[in-house]
Amino acid sequence: MIMPRGANQLLLPVSPLFIALSLLVALVFNLLPLGRHPALPDLLALTLAFWAVHQPRRVGIGLSFLFGLLMDVHQGALLGQHALAYTLLAFVALALSRRLTWFTLAQQALQVLPLFVATHAVSLLVRLAAGDLFPGWSLFIAPLIEAALWPPVTLLLLAPQRRAPDPDENRPL
């Protein structure tokens, strides 16, 4: 069947090294000492959700749990706080992976917004159950920023897969 004019482009396979590098860059960004402002977006959660949607066989619940433990140790948080939130994020992203890719990027951003809100809410509930203070309502600005970053992150992380399979002088990409 010939693909219609507005159909999604067929993508080349993604390199496991590129997945690992993108997750490492997101982890390093989360590890930067930018302060503990509650409205900062969690780029590691965004990248984990992206790869769980687009590469569900390579990035899943186990890797999300591992990165969650790393974030718990780094932030000195209750051990398992981020691990639980990232695990639930990956689980729901895996469940939505087949359906979510059929939508446009703006529609995808609207559909992952509740996912990011739930991730931050789970992390907040664990902190509150452990006796921490409520950080303020600015905490729920971060999921809005993460949902707004979904389209540019998608374009950026899918760019290496959109290159021509046999580049020549007429098609350098």
Protein backbone atom coordinates (compact mmCIF):
# COMPACT_ATOMS: atom_id res chain seq x y z
CA MET A 1 0.00 0.00 0.00
CA ILE A 2 1.29 3.44 -0.89
CA MET A 3 1.47 5.77 2.08
CA PRO A 4 -0.68 8.90 1.85
CA ARG A 5 0.98 12.28 1.52
CA GLY A 6 0.51 13.33 5.16
CA ALA A 7 1.44 9.95 6.65
CA ASN A 8 4.24 9.44 9.14
CA GLN A 9 7.66 8.83 7.71
CA LEU A 10 9.11 5.36 8.07
CA LEU A 11 11.97 5.51 10.55
CA LEU A 12 15.28 3.70 10.56
CA PRO A 13 16.13 1.57 13.58
CA VAL A 14 17.43 3.51 16.55
CA SER A 15 20.89 2.84 17.86
CA PRO A 16 21.03 1.50 21.43
CA LEU A 17 24.04 3.75 21.93
CA PHE A 18 21.91 6.79 21.03
CA ILE A 19 19.23 5.73 23.54
CA ALA A 20 21.86 5.32 26.25
CA LEU A 21 23.48 8.65 25.38
CA SER A 22 20.17 10.53 25.45
CA LEU A 23 19.27 9.01 28.82
CA LEU A 24 22.73 9.85 30.16
CA VAL A 25 22.43 13.47 28.98
CA ALA A 26 19.01 13.76 30.64
CA LEU A 27 20.42 12.27 33.86
CA VAL A 28 23.35 14.70 33.81
CA PHE A 29 20.94 17.60 33.31
CA ASN A 30 18.92 16.44 36.32
CA LEU A 31 22.14 16.18 38.35
CA LEU A 32 23.14 19.80 37.65
CA PRO A 33 23.07 21.94 40.79
CA LEU A 34 20.26 24.27 39.69
CA GLY A 35 18.66 24.43 43.12
CA ARG A 36 15.64 22.58 44.38
CA HIS A 37 12.92 24.65 42.79
CA PRO A 38 9.75 22.55 42.52
CA ALA A 39 8.82 23.93 39.08
CA LEU A 40 11.95 22.57 37.37
CA PRO A 41 11.01 20.01 34.71
CA ASP A 42 12.31 16.49 35.12
CA LEU A 43 14.07 15.86 31.81
CA LEU A 44 14.99 12.34 32.81
CA ALA A 45 11.31 11.48 33.29
CA LEU A 46 10.52 13.10 29.94
CA THR A 47 13.25 11.12 28.17
CA LEU A 48 12.24 7.87 29.88
CA ALA A 49 8.62 8.42 28.84
CA PHE A 50 9.67 9.19 25.27
CA TRP A 51 11.77 6.05 24.90
CA ALA A 52 9.16 3.92 26.66
CA VAL A 53 6.63 5.09 24.06
CA HIS A 54 8.89 4.84 21.01
CA GLN A 55 11.13 1.90 21.99
CA PRO A 56 9.12 -0.17 24.49
CA ARG A 57 11.35 -3.23 24.09
CA ARG A 58 14.54 -1.37 24.98
CA VAL A 59 13.46 1.08 27.66
CA GLY A 60 11.01 -0.19 30.19
CA ILE A 61 10.13 -0.52 33.82
CA GLY A 62 13.44 -1.97 35.03
CA LEU A 63 15.55 0.80 33.53
CA SER A 64 13.13 3.40 34.87
CA PHE A 65 13.43 1.87 38.35
CA LEU A 66 17.23 2.02 38.14
CA PHE A 67 17.22 5.67 37.08
CA GLY A 68 14.71 6.41 39.82
CA LEU A 69 17.04 4.94 42.43
CA LEU A 70 19.89 7.04 41.03
CA MET A 71 17.76 10.18 41.37
CA ASP A 72 16.76 9.20 44.92
CA VAL A 73 20.38 8.81 45.93
CA HIS A 74 21.40 12.05 44.24
CA GLN A 75 18.66 14.16 45.79
CA GLY A 76 18.85 12.52 49.19
CA ALA A 77 15.18 11.71 48.89
CA LEU A 78 13.33 8.84 50.47
CA LEU A 79 14.75 5.74 48.81
CA GLY A 80 12.17 4.62 46.30
CA GLN A 81 10.37 7.94 45.82
CA HIS A 82 11.58 8.60 42.28
CA ALA A 83 11.89 4.88 41.60
CA LEU A 84 8.17 4.40 42.21
CA ALA A 85 7.24 7.49 40.20
CA TYR A 86 9.46 6.55 37.23
CA THR A 87 8.26 2.95 37.32
CA LEU A 88 4.62 4.03 37.14
CA LEU A 89 5.54 6.50 34.40
CA ALA A 90 7.16 3.75 32.35
CA PHE A 91 4.27 1.35 32.95
CA VAL A 92 1.64 3.80 31.70
CA ALA A 93 3.87 4.96 28.84
CA LEU A 94 4.31 1.34 27.76
CA ALA A 95 0.55 0.85 27.92
CA LEU A 96 -0.01 3.95 25.78
CA SER A 97 2.85 3.34 23.35
CA ARG A 98 0.84 1.75 20.55
CA ARG A 99 -1.94 4.31 20.68
CA LEU A 100 0.05 7.48 21.31
CA THR A 101 2.14 7.39 18.14
CA TRP A 102 -0.94 7.76 15.94
CA PHE A 103 -1.56 11.31 17.15
CA THR A 104 0.10 14.57 16.18
CA LEU A 105 2.77 15.98 18.47
CA ALA A 106 0.40 18.53 20.01
CA GLN A 107 -2.17 15.81 20.72
CA GLN A 108 0.56 13.60 22.16
CA ALA A 109 1.62 16.43 24.47
CA LEU A 110 -1.94 16.75 25.74
CA GLN A 111 -2.13 13.01 26.35
CA VAL A 112 1.17 12.75 28.23
CA LEU A 113 0.31 15.75 30.43
CA PRO A 114 -1.80 13.63 32.85
CA LEU A 115 1.01 11.10 32.89
CA PHE A 116 3.51 13.74 34.03
CA VAL A 117 1.02 15.16 36.55
CA ALA A 118 0.52 11.67 37.99
CA THR A 119 4.29 11.14 38.18
CA HIS A 120 4.78 14.34 40.17
CA ALA A 121 1.73 13.57 42.31
CA VAL A 122 3.04 10.11 43.24
CA SER A 123 6.40 11.58 44.17
CA LEU A 124 4.66 14.28 46.22
CA LEU A 125 2.44 11.77 48.01
CA VAL A 126 5.44 9.65 48.98
CA ARG A 127 7.21 12.75 50.32
CA LEU A 128 4.14 13.84 52.27
CA ALA A 129 3.66 10.34 53.69
CA ALA A 130 7.26 10.43 54.92
CA GLY A 131 6.57 13.68 56.80
CA ASP A 132 7.95 16.26 54.38
CA LEU A 133 6.29 19.65 53.96
CA PHE A 134 4.14 20.58 50.97
CA PRO A 135 6.48 22.37 48.52
CA GLY A 136 3.74 24.61 47.11
CA TRP A 137 1.50 24.64 44.11
CA SER A 138 4.36 25.61 41.82
CA LEU A 139 5.20 21.89 41.81
CA PHE A 140 2.46 21.38 39.22
CA ILE A 141 4.07 23.83 36.79
CA ALA A 142 6.75 21.23 36.03
CA PRO A 143 4.35 18.77 34.31
CA LEU A 144 3.08 21.60 32.12
CA ILE A 145 6.64 22.44 31.08
CA GLU A 146 7.38 18.75 30.46
CA ALA A 147 4.28 18.39 28.27
CA ALA A 148 5.28 21.55 26.39
CA LEU A 149 8.75 20.06 25.85
CA TRP A 150 7.32 16.82 24.44
CA PRO A 151 7.13 18.02 20.77
CA PRO A 152 10.67 19.48 20.57
CA VAL A 153 12.15 16.50 22.43
CA THR A 154 10.32 14.15 20.06
CA LEU A 155 11.67 15.96 17.01
CA LEU A 156 15.18 16.02 18.49
CA LEU A 157 15.29 12.36 19.52
CA LEU A 158 13.72 11.06 16.30
CA ALA A 159 16.01 13.13 14.05
CA PRO A 160 18.76 10.47 13.70
CA GLN A 161 16.17 7.93 12.57
CA ARG A 162 14.86 10.16 9.79
CA ARG A 163 18.05 10.14 7.72
CA ALA A 164 18.07 8.54 4.30
CA PRO A 165 19.12 4.88 4.36
CA ASP A 166 21.52 5.40 1.44
CA PRO A 167 22.85 8.99 1.46
CA ASP A 168 24.37 10.38 -1.72
CA GLU A 169 25.30 13.82 -3.08
CA ASN A 170 21.61 14.64 -3.72
CA ARG A 171 20.41 13.42 -0.31
CA PRO A 172 23.12 14.22 2.22
CA LEU A 173 20.92 13.51 5.25
